[in-house]
Amino acid sequence: MANEKDRRKDERFQVKRFTFVKLCSESNEDIGQLLDISESGLSLRYFLKAQNPINFSQLGIFSPDCDLAIDGIPFRVISDTELPNGSPLDPIMFRRSGVQFGQLTPEQLSELDYFLKTNTTMSHGDEGR
């Protein structure tokens, strides 16, 4: 069985600063934290609630100071796992979800390319971009 890195076709990049991922469906929204990103997908951390990324169909990527916004990105969930909790008494549960982007518009592709060039660094073990 191939590990996750072997299955990826694109390099993963770490974000330089805190970046939000907004998950959207027709009736709900939720927010997570962008962990890493490539040209074909991303991973995010989110609070475990009644909803999880499988119930959403689009996402947006936003910086806290609102100088970056890529919205309406279609996606599908590839993996979703519980993250270890630092304390058994802590009721807050986090999950990590890996998603694959669907068909992006030319504008979204351009915005994503700009984001990768200006807001990320290569993940450990990745070579030159």
Protein backbone atom coordinates (compact mmCIF):
# COMPACT_ATOMS: atom_id res chain seq x y z
CA MET A 1 0.00 0.00 0.00
CA ALA A 2 1.40 3.41 -0.99
CA ASN A 3 1.82 6.01 1.73
CA GLU A 4 0.14 9.42 1.43
CA LYS A 5 3.24 11.16 0.03
CA ASP A 6 3.52 8.50 -2.73
CA ARG A 7 -0.09 9.11 -3.77
CA ARG A 8 0.37 12.87 -4.15
CA LYS A 9 1.17 14.11 -7.60
CA ASP A 10 2.10 17.65 -6.49
CA GLU A 11 4.56 19.02 -3.94
CA ARG A 12 3.15 20.08 -0.57
CA PHE A 13 3.96 23.53 0.80
CA GLN A 14 3.72 24.82 4.38
CA VAL A 15 1.97 28.15 4.88
CA LYS A 16 4.10 31.03 6.20
CA ARG A 17 1.29 32.54 8.25
CA PHE A 18 -2.01 31.54 9.78
CA THR A 19 -4.59 31.04 7.03
CA PHE A 20 -8.27 30.08 7.33
CA VAL A 21 -10.14 27.52 5.28
CA LYS A 22 -13.87 28.21 5.06
CA LEU A 23 -15.95 25.10 4.34
CA CYS A 24 -19.33 25.69 2.67
CA SER A 25 -22.48 23.81 1.78
CA GLU A 26 -25.85 25.19 0.71
CA SER A 27 -26.94 25.57 4.33
CA ASN A 28 -23.79 25.56 6.51
CA GLU A 29 -20.35 27.11 6.90
CA ASP A 30 -17.43 26.16 9.11
CA ILE A 31 -13.85 27.38 9.56
CA GLY A 32 -10.60 25.44 9.83
CA GLN A 33 -6.86 26.19 9.76
CA LEU A 34 -4.83 25.56 6.61
CA LEU A 35 -1.91 23.23 7.41
CA ASP A 36 -0.34 22.59 4.01
CA ILE A 37 -1.29 23.01 0.38
CA SER A 38 -0.39 21.92 -3.15
CA GLU A 39 -1.68 22.71 -6.62
CA SER A 40 -4.18 19.87 -6.29
CA GLY A 41 -5.34 19.96 -2.66
CA LEU A 42 -4.72 20.91 0.95
CA SER A 43 -4.93 19.70 4.51
CA LEU A 44 -6.67 21.51 7.31
CA ARG A 45 -7.29 21.21 11.02
CA TYR A 46 -10.79 21.80 12.36
CA PHE A 47 -12.84 21.36 15.55
CA LEU A 48 -14.91 18.21 15.72
CA LYS A 49 -18.56 19.30 15.56
CA ALA A 50 -21.77 17.83 14.20
CA GLN A 51 -20.59 18.70 10.67
CA ASN A 52 -17.33 17.53 9.11
CA PRO A 53 -15.70 18.30 5.73
CA ILE A 54 -17.46 15.37 4.05
CA ASN A 55 -20.72 17.34 4.39
CA PHE A 56 -19.35 20.37 2.53
CA SER A 57 -18.85 20.86 -1.22
CA GLN A 58 -16.80 24.05 -1.58
CA LEU A 59 -14.07 25.82 0.34
CA GLY A 60 -12.40 29.19 0.48
CA ILE A 61 -8.89 30.17 1.56
CA PHE A 62 -8.62 33.42 3.56
CA SER A 63 -5.90 35.29 5.42
CA PRO A 64 -6.79 36.90 8.77
CA ASP A 65 -6.07 40.39 7.42
CA CYS A 66 -8.28 39.75 4.36
CA ASP A 67 -5.54 40.50 1.84
CA LEU A 68 -6.09 37.04 0.36
CA ALA A 69 -9.30 35.35 -0.65
CA ILE A 70 -9.84 32.41 -2.97
CA ASP A 71 -13.46 31.35 -2.80
CA GLY A 72 -15.77 28.72 -4.26
CA ILE A 73 -13.19 25.93 -4.66
CA PRO A 74 -14.89 22.56 -5.26
CA PHE A 75 -13.31 19.64 -3.38
CA ARG A 76 -13.65 16.09 -2.18
CA VAL A 77 -12.35 14.63 1.08
CA ILE A 78 -9.48 12.15 0.68
CA SER A 79 -8.69 11.56 4.38
CA ASP A 80 -10.10 12.60 7.73
CA THR A 81 -8.44 11.55 10.99
CA GLU A 82 -8.65 12.50 14.64
CA LEU A 83 -5.63 14.37 15.98
CA PRO A 84 -4.17 13.29 19.32
CA ASN A 85 -5.51 15.32 22.21
CA GLY A 86 -2.89 16.86 24.52
CA SER A 87 -5.01 16.21 27.60
CA PRO A 88 -7.62 13.53 28.22
CA LEU A 89 -9.58 16.12 30.24
CA ASP A 90 -9.76 18.57 27.33
CA PRO A 91 -13.19 18.26 25.66
CA ILE A 92 -12.06 19.97 22.43
CA MET A 93 -11.34 17.46 19.70
CA PHE A 94 -9.48 18.36 16.52
CA ARG A 95 -9.41 16.50 13.23
CA ARG A 96 -7.12 16.73 10.22
CA SER A 97 -8.69 16.48 6.81
CA GLY A 98 -6.97 16.10 3.46
CA VAL A 99 -8.94 17.31 0.45
CA GLN A 100 -8.46 17.19 -3.30
CA PHE A 101 -9.54 20.17 -5.37
CA GLY A 102 -12.12 19.72 -8.10
CA GLN A 103 -12.08 21.63 -11.39
CA LEU A 104 -10.78 25.16 -10.73
CA THR A 105 -11.60 28.19 -12.86
CA PRO A 106 -8.73 30.02 -14.59
CA GLU A 107 -9.08 32.82 -12.01
CA GLN A 108 -8.90 30.34 -9.10
CA LEU A 109 -5.84 28.68 -10.68
CA SER A 110 -4.13 32.07 -11.00
CA GLU A 111 -4.99 33.01 -7.39
CA LEU A 112 -3.78 29.63 -6.13
CA ASP A 113 -0.51 29.96 -8.03
CA TYR A 114 0.02 33.44 -6.56
CA PHE A 115 -0.77 32.13 -3.06
CA LEU A 116 1.72 29.26 -3.43
CA LYS A 117 4.47 31.64 -4.59
CA THR A 118 3.93 34.32 -1.93
CA ASN A 119 2.53 32.59 1.16
CA THR A 120 4.22 29.19 1.40
CA THR A 121 7.52 27.44 1.94
CA MET A 122 8.41 23.95 0.79
CA SER A 123 7.57 21.04 3.09
CA HIS A 124 10.49 19.13 4.51
CA GLY A 125 11.85 16.72 1.92
CA ASP A 126 10.36 18.52 -1.10
CA GLU A 127 12.79 19.79 -3.69
CA GLY A 128 12.90 23.03 -5.73
CA ARG A 129 9.76 24.53 -7.19
